[in-house]
């Protein structure tokens, strides 16, 4: 049976310092185990090839590198990780599917899939959880934005756009929205929320206008500059 061999083990301090008889037995295990790293215990055969061995001492020396399934089976824990990287139940590869099936047959699939020998997959799950938490946090902030903005239009499009915003942009939005809403009390003059987000309106200056003040100032200017005749004509035109 052909399989990959880790040539870097000869530079591994743990392997190099291993007693010679343990080293020889470990190489024996790597060659004689099945496709998922499970060795069917055959102590007489081992001692025939390499001599007498202290089995308990070997297991203690190997620590968590060897998992004893039962009295008849031992499992080389990192074997699959080295040979096949990460195995998944979703794989469409027939050889890999057979290895998953073997692990289940040995009743060690759960140990494998829960991350004992698949740290990369475990890291991926952590990343997924972080992304999920991040998205949920943005949804909560969007609900607050939707309530503050108080102009209901194209909610789903707005939510999709909001999810794409950076943390900094969201912070700026929450500083800007209350002032912008106050400056546009009449909603028909307030931009639709999607337009607000797409145009990055939070980067624009808010100009507060007092329409009554502007009207009085303009009236005063007209009165000061118009002649008596112009004012009479203006009054007549208003009648």
Protein backbone atom coordinates (compact mmCIF):
# COMPACT_ATOMS: atom_id res chain seq x y z
CA UNK A 1 0.00 0.00 0.00
CA UNK A 2 1.51 3.31 -1.11
CA UNK A 3 1.22 6.47 0.99
CA UNK A 4 3.02 9.75 1.71
CA UNK A 5 5.99 9.74 4.06
CA UNK A 6 6.98 12.80 6.11
CA UNK A 7 10.70 13.29 5.41
CA UNK A 8 10.79 16.14 7.94
CA UNK A 9 10.40 13.68 10.82
CA UNK A 10 14.17 13.23 10.73
CA UNK A 11 14.47 16.89 11.77
CA UNK A 12 11.77 16.53 14.44
CA UNK A 13 13.37 16.64 17.88
CA UNK A 14 10.65 14.42 19.36
CA UNK A 15 11.29 11.71 16.80
CA UNK A 16 15.09 12.00 16.94
CA UNK A 17 15.17 11.65 20.74
CA UNK A 18 12.84 8.66 20.68
CA UNK A 19 14.46 5.41 21.90
CA UNK A 20 15.58 3.34 18.91
CA UNK A 21 13.12 0.52 19.55
CA UNK A 22 10.24 3.03 19.82
CA UNK A 23 11.42 4.74 16.65
CA UNK A 24 11.44 1.46 14.77
CA UNK A 25 7.99 0.52 16.07
CA UNK A 26 6.57 3.93 15.14
CA UNK A 27 7.81 3.49 11.56
CA UNK A 28 6.27 0.03 11.61
CA UNK A 29 2.91 1.54 12.65
CA UNK A 30 3.03 4.12 9.86
CA UNK A 31 3.55 1.37 7.30
CA UNK A 32 1.15 -1.23 8.70
CA UNK A 33 -1.87 0.91 9.67
CA UNK A 34 -4.88 1.17 7.34
CA UNK A 35 -5.83 4.14 5.14
CA UNK A 36 -7.04 6.25 8.08
CA UNK A 37 -4.20 5.47 10.50
CA UNK A 38 -5.80 2.62 12.46
CA UNK A 39 -3.53 -0.32 13.35
CA UNK A 40 -4.96 -3.68 14.21
CA UNK A 41 -2.94 -4.68 17.28
CA UNK A 42 -0.64 -7.65 16.65
CA UNK A 43 1.99 -7.69 19.38
CA UNK A 44 3.56 -11.08 18.48
CA UNK A 45 4.19 -9.88 14.92
CA UNK A 46 5.82 -6.65 16.16
CA UNK A 47 8.13 -8.48 18.58
CA UNK A 48 9.03 -10.97 15.85
CA UNK A 49 10.35 -8.11 13.70
CA UNK A 50 11.82 -5.67 16.24
CA UNK A 51 12.19 -7.59 19.49
CA UNK A 52 10.68 -7.18 22.93
CA UNK A 53 8.79 -3.93 23.57
CA UNK A 54 7.38 -2.21 26.66
CA UNK A 55 3.93 -1.40 25.29
CA UNK A 56 2.71 0.81 28.13
CA UNK A 57 5.92 2.81 28.14
CA UNK A 58 5.58 3.36 24.39
CA UNK A 59 2.02 4.63 24.75
CA UNK A 60 3.04 6.96 27.59
CA UNK A 61 5.92 8.25 25.49
CA UNK A 62 3.68 8.95 22.48
CA UNK A 63 1.05 10.76 24.57
CA UNK A 64 -1.87 12.10 22.50
CA UNK A 65 -0.20 11.07 19.23
CA UNK A 66 -1.67 7.58 19.64
CA UNK A 67 -5.32 7.00 20.56
CA UNK A 68 -6.24 3.58 21.91
CA UNK A 69 -9.66 2.76 20.47
CA UNK A 70 -9.81 -0.56 22.27
CA UNK A 71 -7.55 -3.53 22.98
CA UNK A 72 -7.55 -4.47 19.30
CA UNK A 73 -7.15 -1.09 17.61
CA UNK A 74 -4.80 1.89 17.91
CA UNK A 75 -5.16 5.12 15.97
CA UNK A 76 -2.33 7.38 14.78
CA UNK A 77 -4.14 10.64 15.41
CA UNK A 78 -2.49 12.93 12.83
CA UNK A 79 -2.29 10.33 10.09
CA UNK A 80 -5.31 11.57 8.09
CA UNK A 81 -4.35 15.20 8.46
CA UNK A 82 -0.95 14.50 6.91
CA UNK A 83 -2.18 12.17 4.17
CA UNK A 84 -5.37 13.98 3.09
CA UNK A 85 -5.31 17.41 4.76
CA UNK A 86 -8.92 17.74 6.00
CA UNK A 87 -11.67 15.18 5.42
CA UNK A 88 -15.29 16.26 5.13
CA UNK A 89 -18.63 14.50 4.86
CA UNK A 90 -19.48 16.88 2.02
CA UNK A 91 -16.65 15.67 -0.20
CA UNK A 92 -17.52 14.36 -3.67
CA UNK A 93 -14.24 12.49 -4.06
CA UNK A 94 -14.84 8.74 -3.92
CA UNK A 95 -11.48 7.91 -2.27
CA UNK A 96 -12.01 10.58 0.40
CA UNK A 97 -15.58 9.40 0.93
CA UNK A 98 -14.23 5.91 1.59
CA UNK A 99 -11.84 7.29 4.24
CA UNK A 100 -14.70 9.09 5.98
CA UNK A 101 -16.62 5.82 5.91
CA UNK A 102 -13.64 4.00 7.45
CA UNK A 103 -13.37 6.51 10.28
CA UNK A 104 -17.06 6.02 11.01
CA UNK A 105 -16.62 2.26 10.91
CA UNK A 106 -13.85 2.54 13.51
CA UNK A 107 -16.18 4.82 15.52
CA UNK A 108 -13.68 7.68 15.59
CA UNK A 109 -15.33 10.04 13.08
CA UNK A 110 -16.75 12.25 15.82
CA UNK A 111 -13.33 12.52 17.46
CA UNK A 112 -11.86 13.51 14.11
CA UNK A 113 -14.62 15.91 13.06
CA UNK A 114 -14.79 17.71 16.41
CA UNK A 115 -11.31 19.05 15.89
CA UNK A 116 -8.98 16.64 17.65
CA UNK A 117 -7.09 16.19 14.40
CA UNK A 118 -8.57 18.93 12.25
CA UNK A 119 -7.39 22.27 13.69
CA UNK A 120 -7.71 23.98 10.31
CA UNK A 121 -11.36 23.02 10.08
CA UNK A 122 -11.85 24.14 13.66
CA UNK A 123 -10.32 27.52 12.82
CA UNK A 124 -12.70 27.81 9.88
CA UNK A 125 -15.65 27.21 12.18
CA UNK A 126 -14.38 29.93 14.52
CA UNK A 127 -14.09 32.31 11.58
CA UNK A 128 -17.65 31.48 10.53
CA UNK A 129 -18.88 32.19 14.06
CA UNK A 130 -17.07 35.54 14.07
CA UNK A 131 -18.60 36.47 10.72
CA UNK A 132 -22.02 35.45 11.99
CA UNK A 133 -21.64 37.57 15.13
CA UNK A 134 -20.40 40.47 13.02
CA UNK A 135 -23.41 40.23 10.69
CA UNK A 136 -25.85 39.99 13.59
CA UNK A 137 -24.27 43.09 15.11
CA UNK A 138 -24.73 44.99 11.85
CA UNK A 139 -28.38 43.92 11.64
CA UNK A 140 -28.99 45.31 15.13
CA UNK A 141 -27.34 48.60 14.14
CA UNK A 142 -29.37 48.71 10.94
CA UNK A 143 -32.59 48.40 12.93
CA UNK A 144 -31.53 51.42 14.95
CA UNK A 145 -30.60 53.33 11.78
CA UNK A 146 -33.97 52.43 10.21
CA UNK A 147 -35.80 53.74 13.26
CA UNK A 148 -33.77 56.96 13.50
CA UNK A 149 -33.97 57.77 9.79
CA UNK A 150 -37.75 57.37 9.87
CA UNK A 151 -38.40 57.17 6.15
CA UNK A 152 -39.45 53.68 5.13
CA UNK A 153 -38.43 52.75 1.60
CA UNK A 154 -36.68 49.71 0.03
CA UNK A 155 -35.77 48.13 3.35
CA UNK A 156 -34.07 44.99 1.95
CA UNK A 157 -31.85 46.98 -0.41
CA UNK A 158 -30.91 49.30 2.45
CA UNK A 159 -30.06 46.35 4.68
CA UNK A 160 -27.83 44.80 2.02
CA UNK A 161 -26.02 48.11 1.54
CA UNK A 162 -25.71 48.66 5.30
CA UNK A 163 -24.07 45.23 5.75
CA UNK A 164 -21.34 46.23 3.30
CA UNK A 165 -20.38 49.34 5.28
CA UNK A 166 -17.26 49.52 7.41
CA UNK A 167 -17.29 50.02 11.16
CA UNK A 168 -15.99 53.56 10.71
CA UNK A 169 -18.69 54.45 8.18
CA UNK A 170 -21.41 53.19 10.51
CA UNK A 171 -20.01 55.32 13.33
CA UNK A 172 -20.11 58.41 11.09
CA UNK A 173 -23.66 57.63 9.99
CA UNK A 174 -24.93 57.56 13.57
CA UNK A 175 -23.29 60.92 14.25
CA UNK A 176 -24.81 62.42 11.11
CA UNK A 177 -28.35 60.97 10.92
CA UNK A 178 -29.90 62.74 13.95
CA UNK A 179 -28.76 66.15 12.64
CA UNK A 180 -29.82 65.34 9.09
CA UNK A 181 -33.29 64.19 10.18
CA UNK A 182 -33.70 67.37 12.26
CA UNK A 183 -32.74 69.48 9.25
CA UNK A 184 -35.38 67.75 7.08
CA UNK A 185 -38.56 67.65 9.20
CA UNK A 186 -40.64 67.34 6.03
CA UNK A 187 -39.90 63.76 4.87
CA UNK A 188 -40.58 64.53 1.23
CA UNK A 189 -37.39 66.62 1.22
CA UNK A 190 -35.42 63.88 2.99
CA UNK A 191 -33.50 61.51 0.76
CA UNK A 192 -34.67 57.94 0.56
CA UNK A 193 -32.54 55.84 2.94
CA UNK A 194 -30.89 53.89 0.11
CA UNK A 195 -29.96 57.12 -1.61
CA UNK A 196 -28.57 58.42 1.66
CA UNK A 197 -26.35 55.35 2.01
CA UNK A 198 -25.30 55.03 -1.64
CA UNK A 199 -24.37 58.71 -1.94
CA UNK A 200 -22.52 58.68 1.41
CA UNK A 201 -24.59 61.65 2.50
CA UNK A 202 -23.07 61.47 5.97
CA UNK A 203 -19.95 63.03 4.45
CA UNK A 204 -21.92 66.13 3.37
CA UNK A 205 -22.35 69.31 5.41
CA UNK A 206 -25.74 69.95 6.97
CA UNK A 207 -26.97 73.53 6.43
CA UNK A 208 -29.67 74.53 8.88
CA UNK A 209 -32.08 77.03 7.34
CA UNK A 210 -34.60 79.20 9.14
CA UNK A 211 -37.15 80.00 6.44
CA UNK A 212 -38.79 82.74 8.48
CA UNK A 213 -35.47 84.44 9.12
CA UNK A 214 -34.60 84.30 5.41
CA UNK A 215 -38.03 85.70 4.47
CA UNK A 216 -37.77 88.66 6.88
CA UNK A 217 -34.25 89.47 5.71
CA UNK A 218 -35.37 89.51 2.06
CA UNK A 219 -38.41 91.67 2.91
CA UNK A 220 -36.19 94.19 4.69
CA UNK A 221 -33.83 94.38 1.70
CA UNK A 222 -36.74 95.06 -0.68
CA UNK A 223 -38.15 97.77 1.57
CA UNK A 224 -34.82 99.53 1.90
CA UNK A 225 -33.96 99.52 -1.79
CA UNK A 226 -37.30 99.95 -3.56
CA UNK A 227 -38.63 103.43 -4.45
CA UNK A 228 -42.07 104.63 -3.34
CA UNK A 229 -43.40 104.06 -6.85
CA UNK A 230 -42.05 100.46 -6.92
CA UNK A 231 -43.60 99.72 -3.54
CA UNK A 232 -46.98 101.18 -4.74
CA UNK A 233 -46.91 99.00 -7.82
CA UNK A 234 -45.96 95.98 -5.73
CA UNK A 235 -48.86 96.58 -3.34
CA UNK A 236 -51.28 97.06 -6.23
CA UNK A 237 -50.07 93.83 -7.82
CA UNK A 238 -50.85 91.98 -4.65
CA UNK A 239 -54.42 93.24 -4.52
